[in-house]
Protein backbone atom coordinates (compact mmCIF):
# COMPACT_ATOMS: atom_id res chain seq x y z
CA ILE A 1 16.87 -25.72 -17.47
CA ALA A 2 17.93 -22.06 -17.33
CA GLY A 3 15.62 -21.33 -20.27
CA LEU A 4 12.70 -22.66 -18.23
CA MET A 5 13.25 -20.34 -15.30
CA ILE A 6 10.47 -17.85 -14.73
CA PRO A 7 11.47 -14.29 -13.80
CA GLN A 8 10.84 -13.57 -10.12
CA TYR A 9 7.96 -11.15 -10.73
CA ARG A 10 6.13 -13.78 -12.80
CA GLN A 11 6.59 -16.29 -9.96
CA ASN A 12 5.19 -13.76 -7.50
CA MET A 13 2.22 -13.13 -9.80
CA ALA A 14 1.48 -16.85 -10.09
CA THR A 15 1.75 -17.25 -6.32
CA ARG A 16 -0.53 -14.28 -5.74
CA GLN A 17 -3.09 -15.61 -8.21
CA GLN A 18 -3.02 -18.93 -6.36
CA LYS A 19 -3.57 -17.09 -3.07
CA TYR A 20 -6.49 -15.13 -4.58
CA PRO A 21 -8.19 -17.46 -7.08
CA ASP A 22 -11.06 -16.24 -9.21
CA THR A 23 -14.52 -16.63 -7.68
CA ASP A 24 -18.02 -15.72 -8.82
CA THR A 25 -17.39 -12.15 -7.54
CA PHE A 26 -13.59 -11.73 -7.88
CA HIS A 27 -11.15 -11.74 -10.81
CA TYR A 28 -7.40 -11.46 -10.25
CA TYR A 29 -6.06 -8.58 -12.33
CA ASN A 30 -3.12 -6.21 -11.96
CA ALA A 31 -3.24 -3.18 -14.27
CA ASN A 32 0.18 -2.01 -13.03
CA PRO A 33 2.43 -2.40 -16.12
CA LYS A 34 5.39 -3.47 -13.95
CA ASN A 35 3.11 -5.95 -12.16
CA ARG A 36 3.99 -4.32 -8.84
CA ILE A 37 1.99 -4.93 -5.71
CA THR A 38 1.94 -1.43 -4.25
CA GLY A 39 -0.42 1.26 -2.97
CA ASP A 40 -1.74 2.22 -6.40
CA CYS A 41 -5.29 0.90 -6.07
CA SER A 42 -6.95 4.06 -7.38
CA PHE A 43 -4.83 4.02 -10.55
CA ARG A 44 -5.45 0.30 -11.10
CA ALA A 45 -9.20 0.64 -10.52
CA ILE A 46 -9.66 3.78 -12.60
CA SER A 47 -7.54 2.64 -15.56
CA THR A 48 -9.34 -0.73 -15.58
CA ALA A 49 -12.81 0.82 -15.43
CA LEU A 50 -12.03 3.43 -18.09
CA ASN A 51 -10.37 0.81 -20.31
CA GLN A 52 -7.31 2.95 -20.67
CA ASP A 53 -3.58 2.56 -20.19
CA TYR A 54 -2.43 2.65 -16.56
CA ASN A 55 0.35 5.16 -17.31
CA GLN A 56 -2.09 7.42 -19.16
CA THR A 57 -4.29 7.41 -16.05
CA VAL A 58 -1.36 8.27 -13.79
CA MET A 59 -0.22 11.11 -16.08
CA GLU A 60 -3.69 12.60 -16.45
CA MET A 61 -4.31 12.43 -12.71
CA ALA A 62 -0.90 14.04 -12.08
CA GLU A 63 -1.81 16.89 -14.46
CA LEU A 64 -5.08 17.35 -12.60
CA MET A 65 -3.17 17.37 -9.30
CA CYS A 66 -1.01 20.22 -10.61
CA LYS A 67 -4.15 22.18 -11.54
CA THR A 68 -6.20 21.48 -8.40
CA GLY A 69 -3.63 20.83 -5.68
CA TYR A 70 -5.38 17.62 -4.60
CA ALA A 71 -3.10 14.63 -4.06
CA LEU A 72 -3.29 11.84 -6.63
CA ASN A 73 -5.02 9.48 -4.21
CA ASP A 74 -7.18 12.11 -2.49
CA THR A 75 -10.89 11.40 -2.86
CA LYS A 76 -11.45 14.96 -4.14
CA GLY A 77 -8.84 14.38 -6.83
CA GLU A 78 -10.42 11.05 -7.81
CA ASP A 79 -13.85 12.75 -7.88
CA ALA A 80 -12.59 15.54 -10.14
CA TYR A 81 -10.85 13.15 -12.51
CA LEU A 82 -13.81 10.81 -12.80
CA LYS A 83 -16.27 13.69 -13.22
CA SER A 84 -14.10 15.09 -16.02
CA ASN A 85 -14.43 11.69 -17.73
CA GLY A 86 -18.24 11.62 -17.48
CA TRP A 87 -18.58 9.47 -14.36
CA VAL A 88 -21.14 10.20 -11.63
CA LYS A 89 -20.60 9.68 -7.91
CA HIS A 90 -23.24 7.69 -6.01
CA SER A 91 -23.73 7.44 -2.26
CA GLN A 92 -23.05 4.26 -0.37
CA PRO A 93 -25.73 1.71 -1.28
CA LYS A 94 -27.72 0.19 1.56
CA HIS A 95 -30.29 -2.57 1.90
CA SER A 96 -33.87 -1.59 2.70
CA ASP A 97 -33.16 -2.30 6.38
CA GLY A 98 -30.25 0.16 6.35
CA THR A 99 -27.45 -2.41 6.43
CA LYS A 100 -24.49 -2.03 4.12
CA TYR A 101 -23.75 -4.14 1.06
CA THR A 102 -20.68 -6.33 1.06
CA GLY A 103 -18.63 -6.40 -2.10
CA LYS A 104 -20.00 -9.86 -2.87
CA GLU A 105 -23.61 -8.69 -2.54
CA PHE A 106 -22.99 -5.56 -4.60
CA CYS A 107 -21.26 -7.51 -7.38
CA LYS A 108 -24.26 -9.81 -7.67
CA GLU A 109 -26.74 -6.90 -7.97
CA PHE A 110 -24.86 -4.10 -9.78
CA LYS A 111 -24.99 -4.21 -13.56
CA GLY A 112 -22.24 -2.58 -15.59
CA THR A 113 -18.89 -1.14 -14.58
CA CYS A 114 -18.14 1.03 -11.59
CA ILE A 115 -15.32 2.18 -9.34
CA ALA A 116 -16.07 1.64 -5.67
CA HIS A 117 -14.60 2.26 -2.26
CA ILE A 118 -14.59 -1.02 -0.39
CA GLY A 119 -13.63 -1.92 3.15
CA GLY A 120 -12.63 1.59 4.18
CA HIS A 121 -9.61 2.93 2.32
CA HIS A 122 -9.44 0.66 -0.71
CA ILE A 123 -10.80 1.35 -4.20
CA VAL A 124 -11.64 -1.24 -6.84
CA CYS A 125 -13.05 -1.66 -10.32
CA ILE A 126 -16.19 -3.76 -10.51
CA LYS A 127 -17.13 -5.03 -13.94
CA ASP A 128 -18.85 -8.10 -15.27
CA GLY A 129 -20.13 -8.77 -11.74
CA LYS A 130 -16.63 -9.11 -10.31
CA VAL A 131 -14.04 -7.06 -8.45
CA TRP A 132 -10.97 -6.82 -10.70
CA ASP A 133 -7.98 -6.43 -8.39
CA THR A 134 -4.80 -7.93 -6.95
CA TRP A 135 -6.55 -9.29 -3.88
CA ASP A 136 -10.06 -10.33 -2.94
CA SER A 137 -11.65 -7.58 -0.84
CA THR A 138 -15.26 -8.62 -1.52
CA ASP A 139 -15.97 -9.34 2.16
CA GLY A 140 -15.59 -5.60 2.84
CA CYS A 141 -18.48 -3.14 2.73
CA ILE A 142 -19.09 -1.01 -0.34
CA GLY A 143 -18.83 2.73 0.17
CA ASN A 144 -19.43 5.50 -2.36
CA TYR A 145 -19.03 4.47 -5.98
CA TRP A 146 -18.80 6.04 -9.44
CA ALA A 147 -20.58 4.87 -12.57
CA LYS A 148 -20.60 6.22 -16.11
CA GLY A 149 -23.23 8.98 -16.36
C-alpha cells in the first residue's frame, strides 16, 4: 500500500483540479515547476503564453528588474518584459455599449494567445479560447491585455 501513496503535493493538485474542473473557457494548468499555489500569476501566465520555461521567465524578469528598478510583478516591469519579447499592449476591450467583457466572453471572441489582467489584480494566459490557470477567474472582467505583435 505504501507504494500506492501519492505525495501530498500531487493530492493537493488533484483536489484543486476537482475544485476547478475544465470548462469551455477554463483549463486547469500550473506552470510553477514545484506545483506551488502562490502569488506568482504573472510568471505562470507569461511563461505559458511565451511557451517557455517558468524558471527562465523568472530569471529574465529578475534581470530586467535589476536594469529598470521595477518590481517583478509591477505592471511597468511586465510591460517592459513583454515588449522586449515582441508583445503589444492593448487597452481594456469593451462591448459597443461600453460594458466590459468578462473572461468567459473574451475567451469566446479572442483568437490566439494573450496575457490579460482579469478581475482587478490577477493576470492570466488565454490560449485556445481558454484561461490557463490554477483557478477559474473567468467571471471577472478583462482589463488591459498583451498579444504578440
